[in-house]
Amino acid sequence: MTSMPPPPPPPPGVPPAGATGPGPAAGPGGPTNMGLAPNVAGLLCYVPCCVGLVFSIVVVVIEKQSRFLRFHAFQSLLFHAVLILAGIALAILTHVLAIVSVGLSALVGFLLNTLMFLASLAATIFLMVKAYGGEEFEIPTIGPMARQWV
């Protein structure tokens, strides 16, 4: 009667069979409920044109394991809210300028809209790169709020 050799140990970072608890889920390399790598899912939270907004809502509802991914989803939702509010404020300002001064308002409105678009695009790309790199970059004021909600 021969005995079977013991099974090989699990690779580093993988809990042994039968282990319970959160394990490595706290970091960007941990498991997720989304079926995606956490850094890719974090990047998708910031994709512009409502894709990131919808994806972030799905992550907040579905994701229960990865604190990294939940942080980026909440921060993305707050970031999108700020962009929407800034867009509304800019539209109001442009209309007020149009009432006050007809000739100059079109140029000022165009320049302000272009500046806001470029700034939000640069911020979005920056956040996407940080999330893909596995970093939890906190936007001032918004980041700490997202961290509390995770």
N, C-alpha and C. Protein backbone atom coordinates (compact mmCIF):
# COMPACT_ATOMS: atom_id res chain seq x y z
N MET A 1 0.85 -1.17 0.00
CA MET A 1 0.00 0.00 0.00
C MET A 1 0.90 1.23 0.00
N THR A 2 0.75 2.07 -1.03
CA THR A 2 1.59 3.26 -1.13
C THR A 2 0.77 4.48 -0.74
N SER A 3 1.46 5.44 -0.14
CA SER A 3 0.76 6.67 0.24
C SER A 3 0.98 7.72 -0.83
N MET A 4 0.02 8.58 -0.98
CA MET A 4 0.08 9.65 -1.98
C MET A 4 0.92 10.79 -1.40
N PRO A 5 1.71 11.44 -2.24
CA PRO A 5 2.48 12.59 -1.74
C PRO A 5 1.53 13.74 -1.42
N PRO A 6 1.92 14.61 -0.50
CA PRO A 6 1.04 15.74 -0.16
C PRO A 6 0.92 16.70 -1.35
N PRO A 7 -0.19 17.42 -1.44
CA PRO A 7 -0.36 18.34 -2.56
C PRO A 7 0.65 19.49 -2.45
N PRO A 8 1.03 20.08 -3.58
CA PRO A 8 1.99 21.19 -3.53
C PRO A 8 1.37 22.40 -2.84
N PRO A 9 2.19 23.24 -2.22
CA PRO A 9 1.64 24.44 -1.57
C PRO A 9 1.10 25.41 -2.62
N PRO A 10 0.13 26.23 -2.22
CA PRO A 10 -0.42 27.19 -3.18
C PRO A 10 0.60 28.28 -3.50
N PRO A 11 0.46 28.93 -4.65
CA PRO A 11 1.38 30.01 -5.01
C PRO A 11 1.26 31.17 -4.01
N PRO A 12 2.28 32.02 -3.93
CA PRO A 12 2.22 33.15 -3.01
C PRO A 12 1.01 34.05 -3.31
N GLY A 13 0.35 34.50 -2.25
CA GLY A 13 -0.80 35.38 -2.40
C GLY A 13 -2.12 34.65 -2.53
N VAL A 14 -2.09 33.31 -2.69
CA VAL A 14 -3.32 32.53 -2.80
C VAL A 14 -3.51 31.81 -1.48
N PRO A 15 -4.68 31.97 -0.84
CA PRO A 15 -4.88 31.29 0.44
C PRO A 15 -4.96 29.78 0.24
N PRO A 16 -4.55 29.02 1.24
CA PRO A 16 -4.65 27.57 1.12
C PRO A 16 -6.11 27.13 1.01
N ALA A 17 -6.32 25.92 0.49
CA ALA A 17 -7.67 25.40 0.32
C ALA A 17 -8.36 25.34 1.67
N GLY A 18 -9.60 25.80 1.73
CA GLY A 18 -10.36 25.77 2.96
C GLY A 18 -10.17 27.02 3.81
N ALA A 19 -9.29 27.92 3.42
CA ALA A 19 -9.07 29.13 4.21
C ALA A 19 -10.24 30.08 4.01
N THR A 20 -10.60 30.78 5.07
CA THR A 20 -11.67 31.76 4.98
C THR A 20 -11.13 33.12 5.34
N GLY A 21 -11.92 34.14 5.08
CA GLY A 21 -11.50 35.50 5.41
C GLY A 21 -11.28 36.30 4.15
N PRO A 22 -10.97 37.59 4.32
CA PRO A 22 -10.85 38.46 3.16
C PRO A 22 -9.65 38.15 2.29
N GLY A 23 -8.57 37.67 2.84
CA GLY A 23 -7.40 37.34 2.03
C GLY A 23 -6.85 38.54 1.32
N PRO A 24 -6.40 38.39 0.08
CA PRO A 24 -5.78 39.50 -0.63
C PRO A 24 -6.76 40.45 -1.32
N ALA A 25 -8.04 40.37 -0.99
CA ALA A 25 -9.02 41.19 -1.69
C ALA A 25 -8.85 42.68 -1.44
N ALA A 26 -8.10 43.06 -0.42
CA ALA A 26 -7.97 44.48 -0.10
C ALA A 26 -7.13 45.22 -1.14
N GLY A 27 -6.18 44.56 -1.76
CA GLY A 27 -5.30 45.21 -2.71
C GLY A 27 -5.83 45.13 -4.12
N PRO A 28 -5.14 45.79 -5.07
CA PRO A 28 -5.61 45.78 -6.45
C PRO A 28 -5.50 44.41 -7.10
N GLY A 29 -4.73 43.50 -6.54
CA GLY A 29 -4.57 42.19 -7.15
C GLY A 29 -5.56 41.17 -6.65
N GLY A 30 -6.46 41.56 -5.76
CA GLY A 30 -7.40 40.63 -5.17
C GLY A 30 -8.53 40.26 -6.11
N PRO A 31 -9.31 39.27 -5.71
CA PRO A 31 -10.43 38.83 -6.56
C PRO A 31 -11.55 39.86 -6.58
N THR A 32 -12.33 39.81 -7.64
CA THR A 32 -13.49 40.69 -7.78
C THR A 32 -14.70 39.88 -8.18
N ASN A 33 -15.86 40.45 -8.00
CA ASN A 33 -17.10 39.81 -8.46
C ASN A 33 -17.39 40.14 -9.92
N MET A 34 -16.61 41.04 -10.50
CA MET A 34 -16.88 41.54 -11.85
C MET A 34 -16.34 40.62 -12.95
N GLY A 35 -15.43 39.73 -12.62
CA GLY A 35 -14.85 38.87 -13.64
C GLY A 35 -13.76 39.56 -14.44
N LEU A 36 -13.29 40.70 -13.98
CA LEU A 36 -12.22 41.45 -14.64
C LEU A 36 -11.07 41.65 -13.66
N ALA A 37 -9.90 41.89 -14.20
CA ALA A 37 -8.78 42.27 -13.34
C ALA A 37 -9.13 43.59 -12.66
N PRO A 38 -8.81 43.75 -11.38
CA PRO A 38 -9.20 44.98 -10.67
C PRO A 38 -8.68 46.26 -11.32
N ASN A 39 -7.46 46.22 -11.87
CA ASN A 39 -6.94 47.45 -12.47
C ASN A 39 -7.69 47.81 -13.75
N VAL A 40 -8.10 46.83 -14.52
CA VAL A 40 -8.88 47.09 -15.74
C VAL A 40 -10.27 47.60 -15.37
N ALA A 41 -10.88 46.98 -14.38
CA ALA A 41 -12.21 47.44 -13.95
C ALA A 41 -12.13 48.84 -13.35
N GLY A 42 -11.04 49.15 -12.63
CA GLY A 42 -10.85 50.49 -12.09
C GLY A 42 -10.72 51.51 -13.20
N LEU A 43 -9.99 51.17 -14.25
CA LEU A 43 -9.87 52.05 -15.42
C LEU A 43 -11.24 52.29 -16.06
N LEU A 44 -12.04 51.24 -16.18
CA LEU A 44 -13.34 51.37 -16.83
C LEU A 44 -14.29 52.28 -16.07
N CYS A 45 -14.06 52.44 -14.76
CA CYS A 45 -14.91 53.35 -13.97
C CYS A 45 -14.79 54.79 -14.44
N TYR A 46 -13.66 55.16 -15.03
CA TYR A 46 -13.41 56.55 -15.43
C TYR A 46 -13.62 56.82 -16.92
N VAL A 47 -14.03 55.82 -17.69
CA VAL A 47 -14.21 56.02 -19.13
C VAL A 47 -15.26 57.11 -19.35
N PRO A 48 -14.98 58.08 -20.23
CA PRO A 48 -15.93 59.18 -20.45
C PRO A 48 -17.19 58.76 -21.20
N CYS A 49 -18.08 59.70 -21.37
CA CYS A 49 -19.32 59.57 -22.16
C CYS A 49 -20.29 58.57 -21.55
N CYS A 50 -20.53 58.65 -20.29
CA CYS A 50 -21.51 57.86 -19.55
C CYS A 50 -21.16 56.39 -19.39
N VAL A 51 -20.19 55.87 -20.12
CA VAL A 51 -19.79 54.46 -19.97
C VAL A 51 -19.24 54.25 -18.56
N GLY A 52 -18.34 55.13 -18.13
CA GLY A 52 -17.76 55.02 -16.79
C GLY A 52 -18.79 55.22 -15.70
N LEU A 53 -19.72 56.12 -15.93
CA LEU A 53 -20.77 56.38 -14.96
C LEU A 53 -21.64 55.13 -14.76
N VAL A 54 -22.07 54.53 -15.84
CA VAL A 54 -22.90 53.32 -15.77
C VAL A 54 -22.09 52.17 -15.17
N PHE A 55 -20.83 52.00 -15.60
CA PHE A 55 -20.00 50.92 -15.08
C PHE A 55 -19.78 51.10 -13.57
N SER A 56 -19.58 52.33 -13.12
CA SER A 56 -19.37 52.59 -11.69
C SER A 56 -20.61 52.23 -10.87
N ILE A 57 -21.78 52.52 -11.40
CA ILE A 57 -23.02 52.15 -10.70
C ILE A 57 -23.13 50.64 -10.60
N VAL A 58 -22.80 49.94 -11.68
CA VAL A 58 -22.83 48.47 -11.66
C VAL A 58 -21.84 47.93 -10.63
N VAL A 59 -20.64 48.51 -10.57
CA VAL A 59 -19.63 48.06 -9.61
C VAL A 59 -20.12 48.27 -8.18
N VAL A 60 -20.69 49.43 -7.90
CA VAL A 60 -21.17 49.72 -6.54
C VAL A 60 -22.25 48.72 -6.13
N VAL A 61 -23.11 48.32 -7.06
CA VAL A 61 -24.18 47.39 -6.75
C VAL A 61 -23.66 45.95 -6.62
N ILE A 62 -22.78 45.54 -7.52
CA ILE A 62 -22.37 44.14 -7.60
C ILE A 62 -21.14 43.81 -6.76
N GLU A 63 -20.13 44.66 -6.81
CA GLU A 63 -18.82 44.34 -6.21
C GLU A 63 -18.88 44.36 -4.69
N LYS A 64 -18.48 43.27 -4.08
CA LYS A 64 -18.45 43.17 -2.61
C LYS A 64 -17.08 42.77 -2.09
N GLN A 65 -16.15 42.34 -2.95
CA GLN A 65 -14.87 41.82 -2.50
C GLN A 65 -13.74 42.85 -2.57
N SER A 66 -13.60 43.55 -3.66
CA SER A 66 -12.44 44.39 -3.89
C SER A 66 -12.68 45.82 -3.41
N ARG A 67 -12.00 46.18 -2.32
CA ARG A 67 -12.08 47.55 -1.81
C ARG A 67 -11.45 48.52 -2.81
N PHE A 68 -10.42 48.08 -3.52
CA PHE A 68 -9.76 48.88 -4.55
C PHE A 68 -10.77 49.30 -5.63
N LEU A 69 -11.51 48.35 -6.12
CA LEU A 69 -12.47 48.61 -7.18
C LEU A 69 -13.64 49.46 -6.67
N ARG A 70 -14.10 49.19 -5.46
CA ARG A 70 -15.19 49.99 -4.89
C ARG A 70 -14.75 51.43 -4.69
N PHE A 71 -13.49 51.65 -4.27
CA PHE A 71 -12.99 53.01 -4.11
C PHE A 71 -13.05 53.76 -5.43
N HIS A 72 -12.55 53.13 -6.50
CA HIS A 72 -12.55 53.80 -7.80
C HIS A 72 -13.97 54.03 -8.31
N ALA A 73 -14.89 53.11 -8.02
CA ALA A 73 -16.27 53.30 -8.46
C ALA A 73 -16.91 54.49 -7.75
N PHE A 74 -16.73 54.58 -6.43
CA PHE A 74 -17.31 55.71 -5.69
C PHE A 74 -16.65 57.03 -6.09
N GLN A 75 -15.33 57.02 -6.24
CA GLN A 75 -14.66 58.25 -6.64
C GLN A 75 -15.09 58.67 -8.04
N SER A 76 -15.28 57.72 -8.93
CA SER A 76 -15.74 58.02 -10.28
C SER A 76 -17.15 58.62 -10.26
N LEU A 77 -18.03 58.08 -9.43
CA LEU A 77 -19.38 58.63 -9.35
C LEU A 77 -19.34 60.08 -8.86
N LEU A 78 -18.52 60.35 -7.85
CA LEU A 78 -18.40 61.72 -7.34
C LEU A 78 -17.76 62.64 -8.38
N PHE A 79 -16.75 62.12 -9.09
CA PHE A 79 -16.08 62.90 -10.13
C PHE A 79 -17.06 63.25 -11.25
N HIS A 80 -17.87 62.28 -11.68
CA HIS A 80 -18.87 62.54 -12.72
C HIS A 80 -19.90 63.56 -12.23
N ALA A 81 -20.30 63.47 -10.97
CA ALA A 81 -21.26 64.43 -10.42
C ALA A 81 -20.69 65.85 -10.45
N VAL A 82 -19.41 65.99 -10.09
CA VAL A 82 -18.77 67.30 -10.13
C VAL A 82 -18.71 67.82 -11.56
N LEU A 83 -18.38 66.96 -12.51
CA LEU A 83 -18.34 67.40 -13.91
C LEU A 83 -19.72 67.83 -14.41
N ILE A 84 -20.75 67.11 -14.03
CA ILE A 84 -22.11 67.48 -14.45
C ILE A 84 -22.51 68.82 -13.84
N LEU A 85 -22.23 69.00 -12.56
CA LEU A 85 -22.56 70.28 -11.90
C LEU A 85 -21.76 71.43 -12.49
N ALA A 86 -20.49 71.19 -12.79
CA ALA A 86 -19.67 72.25 -13.41
C ALA A 86 -20.19 72.58 -14.80
N GLY A 87 -20.65 71.60 -15.54
CA GLY A 87 -21.23 71.85 -16.86
C GLY A 87 -22.50 72.68 -16.77
N ILE A 88 -23.33 72.39 -15.79
CA ILE A 88 -24.56 73.16 -15.60
C ILE A 88 -24.22 74.60 -15.22
N ALA A 89 -23.26 74.77 -14.29
CA ALA A 89 -22.86 76.11 -13.88
C ALA A 89 -22.27 76.89 -15.06
N LEU A 90 -21.49 76.22 -15.89
CA LEU A 90 -20.91 76.88 -17.06
C LEU A 90 -21.98 77.28 -18.07
N ALA A 91 -23.00 76.45 -18.24
CA ALA A 91 -24.10 76.79 -19.15
C ALA A 91 -24.86 78.01 -18.64
N ILE A 92 -25.10 78.06 -17.35
CA ILE A 92 -25.78 79.22 -16.77
C ILE A 92 -24.94 80.48 -16.95
N LEU A 93 -23.64 80.36 -16.67
CA LEU A 93 -22.74 81.50 -16.83
C LEU A 93 -22.71 81.99 -18.28
N THR A 94 -22.68 81.08 -19.21
CA THR A 94 -22.66 81.44 -20.63
C THR A 94 -23.94 82.17 -21.02
N HIS A 95 -25.08 81.71 -20.51
CA HIS A 95 -26.34 82.38 -20.82
C HIS A 95 -26.41 83.77 -20.19
N VAL A 96 -25.90 83.91 -18.98
CA VAL A 96 -25.87 85.23 -18.34
C VAL A 96 -24.98 86.17 -19.13
N LEU A 97 -23.83 85.67 -19.58
CA LEU A 97 -22.96 86.50 -20.41
C LEU A 97 -23.64 86.90 -21.72
N ALA A 98 -24.44 86.00 -22.27
CA ALA A 98 -25.14 86.30 -23.53
C ALA A 98 -26.16 87.40 -23.33
N ILE A 99 -26.78 87.44 -22.15
CA ILE A 99 -27.77 88.48 -21.87
C ILE A 99 -27.08 89.82 -21.68
N VAL A 100 -25.93 89.81 -20.98
CA VAL A 100 -25.23 91.05 -20.66
C VAL A 100 -24.52 91.63 -21.89
N SER A 101 -23.80 90.79 -22.60
CA SER A 101 -22.99 91.27 -23.72
C SER A 101 -23.11 90.29 -24.87
N VAL A 102 -23.76 90.70 -25.93
CA VAL A 102 -24.04 89.79 -27.04
C VAL A 102 -22.78 89.44 -27.84
N GLY A 103 -21.94 90.40 -28.18
CA GLY A 103 -20.81 90.16 -29.07
C GLY A 103 -19.71 89.31 -28.45
N LEU A 104 -19.34 89.59 -27.23
CA LEU A 104 -18.21 88.92 -26.60
C LEU A 104 -18.61 87.59 -25.96
N SER A 105 -19.88 87.40 -25.66
CA SER A 105 -20.32 86.23 -24.91
C SER A 105 -20.06 84.92 -25.67
N ALA A 106 -20.23 84.93 -26.97
CA ALA A 106 -20.02 83.71 -27.75
C ALA A 106 -18.57 83.25 -27.67
N LEU A 107 -17.64 84.19 -27.77
CA LEU A 107 -16.22 83.84 -27.69
C LEU A 107 -15.84 83.37 -26.30
N VAL A 108 -16.30 84.08 -25.28
CA VAL A 108 -15.99 83.71 -23.89
C VAL A 108 -16.61 82.35 -23.57
N GLY A 109 -17.85 82.13 -23.98
CA GLY A 109 -18.50 80.85 -23.74
C GLY A 109 -17.77 79.70 -24.42
N PHE A 110 -17.36 79.94 -25.67
CA PHE A 110 -16.61 78.92 -26.40
C PHE A 110 -15.29 78.61 -25.70
N LEU A 111 -14.56 79.64 -25.29
CA LEU A 111 -13.27 79.43 -24.61
C LEU A 111 -13.45 78.71 -23.28
N LEU A 112 -14.45 79.08 -22.50
CA LEU A 112 -14.70 78.42 -21.22
C LEU A 112 -15.09 76.95 -21.42
N ASN A 113 -15.96 76.70 -22.39
CA ASN A 113 -16.35 75.31 -22.68
C ASN A 113 -15.16 74.47 -23.13
N THR A 114 -14.32 75.04 -23.98
CA THR A 114 -13.13 74.33 -24.45
C THR A 114 -12.17 74.05 -23.31
N LEU A 115 -11.97 75.03 -22.46
CA LEU A 115 -11.08 74.86 -21.31
C LEU A 115 -11.60 73.79 -20.36
N MET A 116 -12.89 73.81 -20.10
CA MET A 116 -13.47 72.79 -19.21
C MET A 116 -13.37 71.40 -19.82
N PHE A 117 -13.62 71.30 -21.12
CA PHE A 117 -13.53 70.01 -21.80
C PHE A 117 -12.10 69.45 -21.71
N LEU A 118 -11.11 70.28 -22.02
CA LEU A 118 -9.72 69.82 -21.99
C LEU A 118 -9.27 69.46 -20.58
N ALA A 119 -9.68 70.25 -19.59
CA ALA A 119 -9.31 69.95 -18.20
C ALA A 119 -9.95 68.65 -17.73
N SER A 120 -11.22 68.44 -18.05
CA SER A 120 -11.89 67.21 -17.62
C SER A 120 -11.33 65.99 -18.37
N LEU A 121 -10.97 66.16 -19.64
CA LEU A 121 -10.36 65.06 -20.39
C LEU A 121 -9.00 64.69 -19.81
N ALA A 122 -8.20 65.68 -19.49
CA ALA A 122 -6.88 65.43 -18.89
C ALA A 122 -7.02 64.74 -17.53
N ALA A 123 -7.96 65.21 -16.72
CA ALA A 123 -8.18 64.60 -15.41
C ALA A 123 -8.66 63.16 -15.55
N THR A 124 -9.54 62.92 -16.51
CA THR A 124 -10.06 61.57 -16.73
C THR A 124 -8.95 60.62 -17.17
N ILE A 125 -8.13 61.05 -18.09
CA ILE A 125 -7.01 60.21 -18.55
C ILE A 125 -6.05 59.94 -17.40
N PHE A 126 -5.75 60.97 -16.60
CA PHE A 126 -4.87 60.80 -15.45
C PHE A 126 -5.43 59.76 -14.48
N LEU A 127 -6.72 59.84 -14.17
CA LEU A 127 -7.34 58.89 -13.25
C LEU A 127 -7.37 57.48 -13.83
N MET A 128 -7.59 57.37 -15.14
CA MET A 128 -7.57 56.06 -15.78
C MET A 128 -6.18 55.42 -15.69
N VAL A 129 -5.14 56.21 -15.90
CA VAL A 129 -3.76 55.70 -15.82
C VAL A 129 -3.44 55.27 -14.39
N LYS A 130 -3.84 56.08 -13.42
CA LYS A 130 -3.59 55.73 -12.01
C LYS A 130 -4.31 54.45 -11.62
N ALA A 131 -5.55 54.30 -12.02
CA ALA A 131 -6.31 53.10 -11.69
C ALA A 131 -5.71 51.87 -12.37
N TYR A 132 -5.32 52.00 -13.63
CA TYR A 132 -4.72 50.87 -14.34
C TYR A 132 -3.38 50.48 -13.72
N GLY A 133 -2.67 51.45 -13.16
CA GLY A 133 -1.41 51.17 -12.49
C GLY A 133 -1.57 50.59 -11.09
N GLY A 134 -2.80 50.39 -10.65
CA GLY A 134 -3.04 49.79 -9.34
C GLY A 134 -2.96 50.79 -8.19
N GLU A 135 -3.00 52.08 -8.50
CA GLU A 135 -2.91 53.11 -7.46
C GLU A 135 -4.31 53.58 -7.07
N GLU A 136 -4.43 53.99 -5.82
CA GLU A 136 -5.68 54.58 -5.35
C GLU A 136 -5.46 56.07 -5.14
N PHE A 137 -5.28 56.79 -6.23
CA PHE A 137 -5.07 58.24 -6.16
C PHE A 137 -6.35 58.90 -5.69
N GLU A 138 -6.23 59.74 -4.65
CA GLU A 138 -7.40 60.44 -4.11
C GLU A 138 -7.47 61.85 -4.66
N ILE A 139 -8.57 62.17 -5.31
CA ILE A 139 -8.84 63.54 -5.73
C ILE A 139 -9.13 64.33 -4.46
N PRO A 140 -8.56 65.54 -4.31
CA PRO A 140 -8.85 66.32 -3.10
C PRO A 140 -10.36 66.48 -2.89
N THR A 141 -10.78 66.34 -1.67
CA THR A 141 -12.17 66.43 -1.20
C THR A 141 -13.01 65.22 -1.64
N ILE A 142 -12.94 64.84 -2.90
CA ILE A 142 -13.74 63.72 -3.39
C ILE A 142 -13.17 62.37 -2.93
N GLY A 143 -11.84 62.23 -2.99
CA GLY A 143 -11.19 60.97 -2.62
C GLY A 143 -11.48 60.52 -1.20
N PRO A 144 -11.31 61.41 -0.20
CA PRO A 144 -11.62 61.00 1.17
C PRO A 144 -13.10 60.60 1.35
N MET A 145 -13.99 61.27 0.64
CA MET A 145 -15.41 60.87 0.72
C MET A 145 -15.60 59.47 0.15
N ALA A 146 -14.98 59.21 -0.98
CA ALA A 146 -15.07 57.87 -1.59
C ALA A 146 -14.48 56.82 -0.67
N ARG A 147 -13.37 57.14 -0.02
CA ARG A 147 -12.70 56.21 0.90
C ARG A 147 -13.64 55.85 2.05
N GLN A 148 -14.40 56.82 2.56
CA GLN A 148 -15.33 56.55 3.66
C GLN A 148 -16.47 55.64 3.21
N TRP A 149 -16.93 55.79 1.99
CA TRP A 149 -18.06 55.02 1.50
C TRP A 149 -17.71 53.59 1.14
N VAL A 150 -16.42 53.31 0.94
CA VAL A 150 -15.99 51.96 0.57
C VAL A 150 -16.33 51.05 1.72
